[in-house]
Amino acid sequence: MRALAILALAGLTACAAANDAADGLARQQAKNVVNTYVADRYPGLNAAPITDCIIDAADAREILQIASGAVTGVDAALAEQIGQIARRPEALQCIAQNSLTLLG
């Protein structure tokens, strides 16, 4: 019985590691999409701090939707979604706190 519990725990740990890797990949893809969008929309600004704030304010479902833009491109609906996330209080506060780095 104890061996079975250890095997189950090992399986769960491996599953969690795989999920973490998938989440990390999706976040990185979403960051790439948002960073490109922000840089194109606001030339001359350092897009990285804004991107980080937007990604941090997004939930897991939104991260996956944004990450899909790496394949499909940013259409009007995805641009609106990025804008909505950017207007959330936590994103706005983060952007304001990092405003000194925005001018690169």
N, C-alpha and C. Protein backbone atom coordinates (compact mmCIF):
# COMPACT_ATOMS: atom_id res chain seq x y z
N MET A 1 0.83 -1.20 0.00
CA MET A 1 0.00 0.00 0.00
C MET A 1 0.87 1.25 0.00
N ARG A 2 1.93 1.22 0.80
CA ARG A 2 2.81 2.38 0.87
C ARG A 2 3.52 2.62 -0.47
N ALA A 3 3.91 1.53 -1.13
CA ALA A 3 4.56 1.65 -2.44
C ALA A 3 3.61 2.26 -3.45
N LEU A 4 2.35 1.90 -3.37
CA LEU A 4 1.34 2.46 -4.28
C LEU A 4 1.19 3.96 -4.04
N ALA A 5 1.20 4.35 -2.78
CA ALA A 5 1.09 5.77 -2.45
C ALA A 5 2.30 6.54 -2.97
N ILE A 6 3.47 5.96 -2.86
CA ILE A 6 4.69 6.61 -3.36
C ILE A 6 4.64 6.75 -4.87
N LEU A 7 4.19 5.69 -5.56
CA LEU A 7 4.05 5.77 -7.02
C LEU A 7 3.03 6.81 -7.43
N ALA A 8 1.93 6.89 -6.71
CA ALA A 8 0.91 7.90 -7.01
C ALA A 8 1.46 9.30 -6.81
N LEU A 9 2.20 9.50 -5.73
CA LEU A 9 2.80 10.80 -5.47
C LEU A 9 3.81 11.17 -6.54
N ALA A 10 4.62 10.20 -6.97
CA ALA A 10 5.59 10.44 -8.03
C ALA A 10 4.88 10.81 -9.34
N GLY A 11 3.77 10.14 -9.61
CA GLY A 11 2.99 10.45 -10.81
C GLY A 11 2.42 11.84 -10.76
N LEU A 12 1.91 12.22 -9.60
CA LEU A 12 1.36 13.57 -9.45
C LEU A 12 2.45 14.63 -9.59
N THR A 13 3.62 14.35 -9.04
CA THR A 13 4.74 15.29 -9.15
C THR A 13 5.14 15.47 -10.60
N ALA A 14 5.22 14.38 -11.34
CA ALA A 14 5.57 14.46 -12.77
C ALA A 14 4.50 15.22 -13.53
N CYS A 15 3.25 14.99 -13.18
CA CYS A 15 2.14 15.69 -13.83
C CYS A 15 2.23 17.19 -13.55
N ALA A 16 2.52 17.53 -12.30
CA ALA A 16 2.63 18.94 -11.93
C ALA A 16 3.79 19.60 -12.67
N ALA A 17 4.89 18.89 -12.82
CA ALA A 17 6.04 19.44 -13.54
C ALA A 17 5.69 19.67 -15.01
N ALA A 18 4.97 18.74 -15.60
CA ALA A 18 4.55 18.90 -17.00
C ALA A 18 3.60 20.09 -17.14
N ASN A 19 2.67 20.23 -16.19
CA ASN A 19 1.75 21.37 -16.22
C ASN A 19 2.49 22.68 -16.07
N ASP A 20 3.47 22.71 -15.16
CA ASP A 20 4.26 23.93 -14.97
C ASP A 20 5.01 24.29 -16.24
N ALA A 21 5.55 23.30 -16.92
CA ALA A 21 6.27 23.55 -18.17
C ALA A 21 5.32 24.09 -19.23
N ALA A 22 4.13 23.50 -19.33
CA ALA A 22 3.15 23.97 -20.31
C ALA A 22 2.69 25.39 -19.99
N ASP A 23 2.47 25.67 -18.70
CA ASP A 23 2.07 27.01 -18.29
C ASP A 23 3.16 28.02 -18.62
N GLY A 24 4.40 27.64 -18.36
CA GLY A 24 5.53 28.53 -18.66
C GLY A 24 5.63 28.82 -20.15
N LEU A 25 5.43 27.80 -20.96
CA LEU A 25 5.48 27.98 -22.41
C LEU A 25 4.35 28.90 -22.88
N ALA A 26 3.16 28.68 -22.36
CA ALA A 26 2.01 29.52 -22.74
C ALA A 26 2.25 30.96 -22.31
N ARG A 27 2.76 31.17 -21.10
CA ARG A 27 3.04 32.53 -20.63
C ARG A 27 4.08 33.21 -21.51
N GLN A 28 5.12 32.46 -21.90
CA GLN A 28 6.16 33.06 -22.75
C GLN A 28 5.60 33.43 -24.12
N GLN A 29 4.78 32.56 -24.69
CA GLN A 29 4.16 32.86 -25.98
C GLN A 29 3.24 34.07 -25.85
N ALA A 30 2.46 34.12 -24.78
CA ALA A 30 1.57 35.26 -24.56
C ALA A 30 2.38 36.54 -24.38
N LYS A 31 3.49 36.48 -23.66
CA LYS A 31 4.34 37.65 -23.49
C LYS A 31 4.86 38.14 -24.84
N ASN A 32 5.26 37.21 -25.69
CA ASN A 32 5.76 37.60 -27.01
C ASN A 32 4.68 38.32 -27.82
N VAL A 33 3.46 37.79 -27.75
CA VAL A 33 2.35 38.40 -28.49
C VAL A 33 2.07 39.81 -27.95
N VAL A 34 1.94 39.93 -26.63
CA VAL A 34 1.61 41.22 -26.02
C VAL A 34 2.76 42.21 -26.24
N ASN A 35 3.98 41.76 -26.10
CA ASN A 35 5.12 42.67 -26.27
C ASN A 35 5.16 43.23 -27.69
N THR A 36 4.94 42.38 -28.67
CA THR A 36 4.91 42.85 -30.06
C THR A 36 3.76 43.82 -30.28
N TYR A 37 2.59 43.49 -29.73
CA TYR A 37 1.42 44.36 -29.87
C TYR A 37 1.69 45.73 -29.25
N VAL A 38 2.21 45.75 -28.02
CA VAL A 38 2.46 47.02 -27.33
C VAL A 38 3.54 47.81 -28.07
N ALA A 39 4.60 47.15 -28.49
CA ALA A 39 5.68 47.84 -29.20
C ALA A 39 5.20 48.44 -30.52
N ASP A 40 4.32 47.72 -31.22
CA ASP A 40 3.77 48.25 -32.48
C ASP A 40 2.81 49.40 -32.22
N ARG A 41 2.05 49.28 -31.17
CA ARG A 41 1.03 50.28 -30.86
C ARG A 41 1.62 51.57 -30.27
N TYR A 42 2.70 51.41 -29.49
CA TYR A 42 3.32 52.55 -28.81
C TYR A 42 4.82 52.57 -29.09
N PRO A 43 5.20 52.92 -30.31
CA PRO A 43 6.63 52.92 -30.64
C PRO A 43 7.40 53.91 -29.76
N GLY A 44 8.60 53.52 -29.40
CA GLY A 44 9.43 54.38 -28.57
C GLY A 44 9.35 54.05 -27.09
N LEU A 45 8.29 53.33 -26.68
CA LEU A 45 8.18 52.93 -25.29
C LEU A 45 8.87 51.59 -25.09
N ASN A 46 9.39 51.37 -23.90
CA ASN A 46 9.90 50.06 -23.53
C ASN A 46 8.67 49.20 -23.21
N ALA A 47 8.34 48.29 -24.10
CA ALA A 47 7.12 47.51 -23.96
C ALA A 47 7.19 46.44 -22.88
N ALA A 48 8.39 46.01 -22.51
CA ALA A 48 8.53 44.89 -21.57
C ALA A 48 7.82 45.10 -20.24
N PRO A 49 7.96 46.25 -19.57
CA PRO A 49 7.25 46.41 -18.29
C PRO A 49 5.73 46.39 -18.44
N ILE A 50 5.24 46.97 -19.52
CA ILE A 50 3.80 46.96 -19.77
C ILE A 50 3.33 45.53 -20.02
N THR A 51 4.09 44.82 -20.82
CA THR A 51 3.77 43.42 -21.12
C THR A 51 3.70 42.60 -19.85
N ASP A 52 4.69 42.74 -18.99
CA ASP A 52 4.70 41.98 -17.74
C ASP A 52 3.47 42.28 -16.90
N CYS A 53 3.08 43.55 -16.84
CA CYS A 53 1.90 43.93 -16.06
C CYS A 53 0.62 43.32 -16.64
N ILE A 54 0.52 43.32 -17.95
CA ILE A 54 -0.67 42.76 -18.60
C ILE A 54 -0.73 41.26 -18.37
N ILE A 55 0.38 40.57 -18.56
CA ILE A 55 0.41 39.12 -18.38
C ILE A 55 0.11 38.76 -16.92
N ASP A 56 0.65 39.51 -15.99
CA ASP A 56 0.41 39.23 -14.57
C ASP A 56 -1.05 39.45 -14.18
N ALA A 57 -1.74 40.33 -14.89
CA ALA A 57 -3.15 40.61 -14.59
C ALA A 57 -4.11 39.63 -15.30
N ALA A 58 -3.59 38.86 -16.23
CA ALA A 58 -4.43 37.91 -16.99
C ALA A 58 -4.58 36.61 -16.23
N ASP A 59 -5.73 35.95 -16.43
CA ASP A 59 -5.91 34.63 -15.82
C ASP A 59 -5.43 33.56 -16.81
N ALA A 60 -5.44 32.31 -16.37
CA ALA A 60 -4.89 31.21 -17.17
C ALA A 60 -5.60 31.08 -18.52
N ARG A 61 -6.90 31.22 -18.54
CA ARG A 61 -7.66 31.12 -19.79
C ARG A 61 -7.25 32.22 -20.75
N GLU A 62 -7.11 33.42 -20.23
CA GLU A 62 -6.71 34.55 -21.07
C GLU A 62 -5.29 34.38 -21.60
N ILE A 63 -4.41 33.83 -20.76
CA ILE A 63 -3.03 33.58 -21.20
C ILE A 63 -3.05 32.65 -22.41
N LEU A 64 -3.84 31.59 -22.34
CA LEU A 64 -3.92 30.64 -23.46
C LEU A 64 -4.49 31.31 -24.71
N GLN A 65 -5.52 32.14 -24.53
CA GLN A 65 -6.10 32.83 -25.68
C GLN A 65 -5.09 33.78 -26.32
N ILE A 66 -4.36 34.51 -25.49
CA ILE A 66 -3.37 35.44 -26.02
C ILE A 66 -2.24 34.67 -26.69
N ALA A 67 -1.81 33.59 -26.07
CA ALA A 67 -0.73 32.78 -26.64
C ALA A 67 -1.10 32.26 -28.02
N SER A 68 -2.39 32.00 -28.25
CA SER A 68 -2.81 31.53 -29.57
C SER A 68 -2.54 32.57 -30.65
N GLY A 69 -2.41 33.82 -30.25
CA GLY A 69 -2.10 34.88 -31.21
C GLY A 69 -0.72 34.71 -31.83
N ALA A 70 0.14 33.90 -31.23
CA ALA A 70 1.44 33.63 -31.82
C ALA A 70 1.28 32.84 -33.11
N VAL A 71 0.19 32.09 -33.21
CA VAL A 71 -0.08 31.29 -34.41
C VAL A 71 -1.03 32.02 -35.35
N THR A 72 -2.08 32.59 -34.80
CA THR A 72 -3.14 33.18 -35.62
C THR A 72 -2.94 34.66 -35.91
N GLY A 73 -2.08 35.31 -35.14
CA GLY A 73 -1.91 36.75 -35.26
C GLY A 73 -2.89 37.46 -34.34
N VAL A 74 -2.67 38.75 -34.19
CA VAL A 74 -3.52 39.55 -33.31
C VAL A 74 -4.65 40.15 -34.15
N ASP A 75 -5.85 39.64 -33.93
CA ASP A 75 -7.02 40.21 -34.61
C ASP A 75 -7.67 41.23 -33.69
N ALA A 76 -8.76 41.81 -34.14
CA ALA A 76 -9.44 42.86 -33.36
C ALA A 76 -9.90 42.34 -32.00
N ALA A 77 -10.41 41.11 -31.96
CA ALA A 77 -10.90 40.56 -30.69
C ALA A 77 -9.76 40.37 -29.69
N LEU A 78 -8.63 39.88 -30.16
CA LEU A 78 -7.49 39.68 -29.27
C LEU A 78 -6.91 41.02 -28.82
N ALA A 79 -6.87 41.99 -29.72
CA ALA A 79 -6.40 43.32 -29.35
C ALA A 79 -7.31 43.92 -28.28
N GLU A 80 -8.61 43.74 -28.42
CA GLU A 80 -9.56 44.23 -27.42
C GLU A 80 -9.35 43.53 -26.08
N GLN A 81 -9.10 42.23 -26.12
CA GLN A 81 -8.86 41.48 -24.89
C GLN A 81 -7.61 41.99 -24.17
N ILE A 82 -6.55 42.22 -24.93
CA ILE A 82 -5.32 42.76 -24.34
C ILE A 82 -5.60 44.13 -23.71
N GLY A 83 -6.35 44.95 -24.43
CA GLY A 83 -6.70 46.27 -23.91
C GLY A 83 -7.54 46.20 -22.65
N GLN A 84 -8.49 45.27 -22.59
CA GLN A 84 -9.32 45.11 -21.40
C GLN A 84 -8.48 44.69 -20.20
N ILE A 85 -7.55 43.78 -20.42
CA ILE A 85 -6.68 43.34 -19.32
C ILE A 85 -5.81 44.51 -18.86
N ALA A 86 -5.30 45.28 -19.82
CA ALA A 86 -4.43 46.42 -19.49
C ALA A 86 -5.16 47.48 -18.69
N ARG A 87 -6.48 47.55 -18.82
CA ARG A 87 -7.27 48.56 -18.09
C ARG A 87 -7.73 48.10 -16.71
N ARG A 88 -7.41 46.88 -16.34
CA ARG A 88 -7.78 46.40 -15.01
C ARG A 88 -6.97 47.17 -13.96
N PRO A 89 -7.58 47.39 -12.79
CA PRO A 89 -6.88 48.16 -11.75
C PRO A 89 -5.49 47.62 -11.42
N GLU A 90 -5.35 46.30 -11.32
CA GLU A 90 -4.04 45.75 -10.97
C GLU A 90 -3.01 45.97 -12.07
N ALA A 91 -3.45 45.93 -13.33
CA ALA A 91 -2.53 46.20 -14.44
C ALA A 91 -2.16 47.68 -14.48
N LEU A 92 -3.15 48.55 -14.31
CA LEU A 92 -2.88 49.99 -14.32
C LEU A 92 -1.94 50.39 -13.19
N GLN A 93 -2.16 49.82 -12.01
CA GLN A 93 -1.29 50.12 -10.88
C GLN A 93 0.13 49.64 -11.16
N CYS A 94 0.27 48.47 -11.70
CA CYS A 94 1.58 47.93 -12.03
C CYS A 94 2.28 48.80 -13.06
N ILE A 95 1.56 49.21 -14.10
CA ILE A 95 2.14 50.06 -15.14
C ILE A 95 2.57 51.40 -14.53
N ALA A 96 1.74 51.97 -13.67
CA ALA A 96 2.09 53.24 -13.03
C ALA A 96 3.34 53.09 -12.16
N GLN A 97 3.43 52.00 -11.43
CA GLN A 97 4.60 51.77 -10.57
C GLN A 97 5.87 51.58 -11.37
N ASN A 98 5.74 51.09 -12.58
CA ASN A 98 6.91 50.83 -13.42
C ASN A 98 7.11 51.90 -14.48
N SER A 99 6.45 53.05 -14.32
CA SER A 99 6.49 54.09 -15.36
C SER A 99 7.87 54.64 -15.62
N LEU A 100 8.76 54.58 -14.67
CA LEU A 100 10.11 55.10 -14.89
C LEU A 100 10.88 54.30 -15.93
N THR A 101 10.50 53.05 -16.13
CA THR A 101 11.21 52.22 -17.10
C THR A 101 10.56 52.22 -18.48
N LEU A 102 9.44 52.88 -18.63
CA LEU A 102 8.70 52.82 -19.88
C LEU A 102 9.41 53.51 -21.04
N LEU A 103 10.22 54.49 -20.76
CA LEU A 103 10.87 55.23 -21.84
C LEU A 103 12.17 54.58 -22.28
N GLY A 104 12.46 53.41 -21.74
CA GLY A 104 13.63 52.62 -22.17
C GLY A 104 14.86 53.34 -21.88
